[in-house]
Amino acid sequence: MRLDAFSELVQRWNRAYSLVSRRDADRLETRHIADSLSLVPWIEGARLADVGAGAGFPGIPLAIAGPQWWVTLVERSEKKARFLRQALIELAIENAEVVLEDARDFNPDSPYDTVTARAVAKPMQAWEMTRHLLRPGGCALLQSSSSLAGLAFAGGRIRRAEAVVVGDGKPQRHITAVQRLDDACTS
């Protein structure tokens, strides 16, 4: 299975590249892969960007789980982008690409339907760095340890927010879908 091969690849490269913490390296399936796959029912449209892709979470598991999606892995670290490119080659993932650029400076040819930002910044900062990548009506999926319900997002609105159960059966994460309003990036 390609998810297992991806986990092995992360563990192998982690020794030299410090992709995930040593503590997390032994629990990739529950800590990172399952957490990434919890986003599957939240994804809308065919174009997805994973901002701050790092070790490939959630972008690579999502590309494996959803061959119908085109996934762009946006990463500003050359070292991590090198790993991501190698992972796409070794795992024969053809529905993904790596963009070596800071998300704030990235201007894609076409906007995305869905953008993920996992562990790249605090939720409000993640929204600010990703909203310009979304088409009007598109959603940023923000993962956090606590609920974001009730927060106001400039140029966006919370469409859906839920606690999700991952791994050991306890609600560990909150997923919040923040929808870009039509005029979110006009000012």
Protein backbone atom coordinates (compact mmCIF):
# COMPACT_ATOMS: atom_id res chain seq x y z
CA MET A 1 0.00 0.00 0.00
CA ARG A 2 1.32 3.44 -0.91
CA LEU A 3 0.46 4.96 2.49
CA ASP A 4 2.70 2.37 4.16
CA ALA A 5 5.44 3.08 1.63
CA PHE A 6 5.06 6.81 2.32
CA SER A 7 5.37 6.20 6.07
CA GLU A 8 8.57 4.19 5.50
CA LEU A 9 9.94 6.92 3.24
CA VAL A 10 9.29 9.62 5.86
CA GLN A 11 11.01 7.50 8.51
CA ARG A 12 14.01 6.86 6.26
CA TRP A 13 14.45 10.54 5.28
CA ASN A 14 13.65 11.78 8.79
CA ARG A 15 17.07 10.73 10.04
CA ALA A 16 18.82 13.32 7.86
CA TYR A 17 16.07 15.84 7.18
CA SER A 18 14.19 16.08 10.50
CA LEU A 19 10.80 16.02 8.77
CA VAL A 20 8.81 15.13 11.90
CA SER A 21 9.75 15.02 15.58
CA ARG A 22 11.49 11.87 16.77
CA ARG A 23 8.52 11.24 19.07
CA ASP A 24 6.12 11.34 16.10
CA ALA A 25 8.28 9.19 13.82
CA ASP A 26 7.05 6.03 15.56
CA ARG A 27 3.40 7.01 15.33
CA LEU A 28 3.12 8.33 11.79
CA GLU A 29 0.01 6.27 11.04
CA THR A 30 -2.05 7.67 13.92
CA ARG A 31 -0.46 11.08 14.42
CA HIS A 32 -0.02 12.20 10.81
CA ILE A 33 -1.55 9.88 8.22
CA ALA A 34 -4.92 9.36 9.96
CA ASP A 35 -5.04 13.06 10.80
CA SER A 36 -4.41 13.89 7.13
CA LEU A 37 -7.07 11.48 5.91
CA SER A 38 -9.63 13.00 8.28
CA LEU A 39 -9.83 15.84 5.73
CA VAL A 40 -11.07 13.61 2.87
CA PRO A 41 -14.81 14.28 3.41
CA TRP A 42 -14.13 18.02 3.65
CA ILE A 43 -12.45 18.46 0.27
CA GLU A 44 -14.41 20.24 -2.43
CA GLY A 45 -13.58 20.46 -6.11
CA ALA A 46 -10.68 18.98 -8.02
CA ARG A 47 -7.86 21.43 -7.21
CA LEU A 48 -6.20 21.27 -3.79
CA ALA A 49 -3.18 23.15 -2.40
CA ASP A 50 -1.35 22.02 0.73
CA VAL A 51 0.39 25.09 2.15
CA GLY A 52 3.49 24.47 4.23
CA ALA A 53 3.57 20.89 3.00
CA GLY A 54 6.68 20.03 5.05
CA ALA A 55 6.88 16.26 5.29
CA GLY A 56 3.88 15.90 2.98
CA PHE A 57 1.08 15.95 5.52
CA PRO A 58 -1.76 16.18 4.61
CA GLY A 59 -1.03 16.61 0.88
CA ILE A 60 0.58 13.29 -0.01
CA PRO A 61 -1.92 11.07 1.85
CA LEU A 62 -4.72 13.10 0.22
CA ALA A 63 -3.17 12.67 -3.25
CA ILE A 64 -2.95 8.92 -2.63
CA ALA A 65 -6.53 8.71 -1.31
CA GLY A 66 -7.98 10.94 -4.03
CA PRO A 67 -6.49 10.32 -7.47
CA GLN A 68 -9.27 12.52 -8.87
CA TRP A 69 -7.73 15.57 -7.15
CA TRP A 70 -4.81 17.64 -8.41
CA VAL A 71 -2.67 18.42 -5.34
CA THR A 72 -0.09 21.21 -5.21
CA LEU A 73 2.37 20.91 -2.35
CA VAL A 74 3.56 24.43 -1.49
CA GLU A 75 6.75 24.43 0.57
CA ARG A 76 9.30 27.21 1.11
CA SER A 77 12.12 25.00 2.44
CA GLU A 78 14.30 23.67 -0.37
CA LYS A 79 15.30 20.69 1.76
CA LYS A 80 11.69 19.67 2.39
CA ALA A 81 10.69 20.36 -1.23
CA ARG A 82 13.49 17.98 -2.30
CA PHE A 83 11.99 15.28 -0.07
CA LEU A 84 8.48 15.95 -1.44
CA ARG A 85 9.67 15.64 -5.06
CA GLN A 86 11.44 12.38 -4.26
CA ALA A 87 8.33 11.04 -2.51
CA LEU A 88 6.20 11.79 -5.58
CA ILE A 89 8.72 9.93 -7.77
CA GLU A 90 9.20 6.91 -5.49
CA LEU A 91 5.47 6.52 -4.81
CA ALA A 92 4.52 7.13 -8.47
CA ILE A 93 2.08 9.89 -7.52
CA GLU A 94 1.08 11.55 -10.77
CA ASN A 95 -1.70 13.83 -9.48
CA ALA A 96 0.58 16.12 -7.49
CA GLU A 97 3.31 18.70 -7.93
CA VAL A 98 5.73 20.56 -5.66
CA VAL A 99 6.02 24.35 -5.68
CA LEU A 100 9.11 25.72 -3.93
CA GLU A 101 7.83 29.08 -2.72
CA ASP A 102 6.49 30.86 0.31
CA ALA A 103 2.69 30.62 0.17
CA ARG A 104 2.37 34.38 0.67
CA ASP A 105 4.26 34.95 -2.59
CA PHE A 106 2.74 32.11 -4.60
CA ASN A 107 0.37 33.23 -7.35
CA PRO A 108 -1.04 30.18 -9.14
CA ASP A 109 -2.34 30.34 -12.71
CA SER A 110 -5.72 29.14 -11.46
CA PRO A 111 -7.15 29.43 -7.94
CA TYR A 112 -7.79 26.37 -5.80
CA ASP A 113 -11.07 24.87 -4.66
CA THR A 114 -9.61 23.75 -1.33
CA VAL A 115 -6.47 24.75 0.55
CA THR A 116 -5.08 22.95 3.59
CA ALA A 117 -2.79 24.51 6.16
CA ARG A 118 -1.76 21.99 8.80
CA ALA A 119 0.71 23.07 11.49
CA VAL A 120 2.07 25.90 9.34
CA ALA A 121 0.81 28.80 11.47
CA LYS A 122 -1.88 29.73 13.95
CA PRO A 123 -5.34 29.55 12.33
CA MET A 124 -5.79 33.29 11.69
CA GLN A 125 -2.30 33.55 10.22
CA ALA A 126 -2.88 30.43 8.11
CA TRP A 127 -6.08 31.99 6.75
CA GLU A 128 -4.26 35.22 5.88
CA MET A 129 -1.51 33.34 4.04
CA THR A 130 -3.88 31.06 2.09
CA ARG A 131 -7.04 32.95 1.21
CA HIS A 132 -5.55 34.53 -1.94
CA LEU A 133 -5.00 31.01 -3.30
CA LEU A 134 -8.72 30.17 -3.15
CA ARG A 135 -11.38 30.74 -5.77
CA PRO A 136 -14.37 32.74 -4.52
CA GLY A 137 -16.45 30.25 -2.56
CA GLY A 138 -13.47 27.92 -2.06
CA CYS A 139 -12.54 26.75 1.43
CA ALA A 140 -9.43 26.69 3.56
CA LEU A 141 -9.38 23.67 5.85
CA LEU A 142 -7.76 24.70 9.10
CA GLN A 143 -6.83 22.05 11.64
CA SER A 144 -6.41 23.08 15.26
CA SER A 145 -6.36 21.64 18.76
CA SER A 146 -9.33 23.76 19.85
CA SER A 147 -12.55 24.98 18.28
CA LEU A 148 -12.45 28.03 16.01
CA ALA A 149 -16.24 28.42 16.02
CA GLY A 150 -17.24 32.00 16.63
CA LEU A 151 -14.05 33.54 15.28
CA ALA A 152 -14.27 36.16 12.54
CA PHE A 153 -12.06 35.62 9.47
CA ALA A 154 -11.43 38.72 7.32
CA GLY A 155 -12.75 38.06 3.83
CA GLY A 156 -14.21 34.72 4.82
CA ARG A 157 -16.79 32.95 6.90
CA ILE A 158 -16.86 29.67 8.74
CA ARG A 159 -18.90 27.26 6.69
CA ARG A 160 -18.43 24.22 8.93
CA ALA A 161 -16.52 23.37 12.09
CA GLU A 162 -16.29 20.02 13.87
CA ALA A 163 -14.18 18.07 16.31
CA VAL A 164 -12.86 14.92 14.66
CA VAL A 165 -11.81 11.62 16.13
CA VAL A 166 -8.45 10.36 14.94
CA GLY A 167 -6.47 7.33 16.01
CA ASP A 168 -7.18 6.48 19.65
CA GLY A 169 -10.86 7.46 19.63
CA LYS A 170 -10.57 10.80 21.41
CA PRO A 171 -11.41 14.08 19.69
CA GLN A 172 -7.90 15.28 18.98
CA ARG A 173 -8.45 17.82 16.26
CA HIS A 174 -10.88 20.41 15.14
CA ILE A 175 -11.40 21.02 11.45
CA THR A 176 -12.77 24.36 10.37
CA ALA A 177 -13.75 25.10 6.77
CA VAL A 178 -13.39 28.82 6.13
CA GLN A 179 -15.05 29.86 2.89
CA ARG A 180 -13.55 32.69 0.88
CA LEU A 181 -16.13 35.38 0.20
CA ASP A 182 -16.30 36.77 -3.34
CA ASP A 183 -14.59 40.01 -2.41
CA ALA A 184 -12.01 38.46 -0.06
CA CYS A 185 -8.98 39.50 -2.07
CA THR A 186 -10.15 42.60 -3.87
CA SER A 187 -8.75 45.15 -1.46
